[in-house]
Amino acid sequence: MNLDDQIRRYFGTADLNVVPPAALAAGLEHMRVDLGLERDRSRCFALWTLMFMLGAAPDLDVAFADPADRDAARAFMEMTERAVSEDE
């Protein structure tokens, strides 16, 4: 999955700075639905990751049935927290 392609798919543009609040909410809702329907683990993880970066990811136990996927998501969360704290 290409990040820019996914952002365009859900928000109509690769530039999130120009997305109006209503379109952002609608795109996030579309992502929630797609996440619930997605059966491919890697696509599910990629979608959850984008939602996480946008501050709209569901809880890990809701998003991932497989404990390994939840562990990978936790590791991603920790990496992003470290990256943010290093930038500060």
Foldseek 3Di string as FASTA:
>chain_A
DDQQVLCCVLQVGSDPVPGDPVSVVRSLVVLVVCLVVDDDLVVNLVSQVVCVVVVRHDDLVVRDVDPVSSVVVVVVVVVVVVVVVVVD
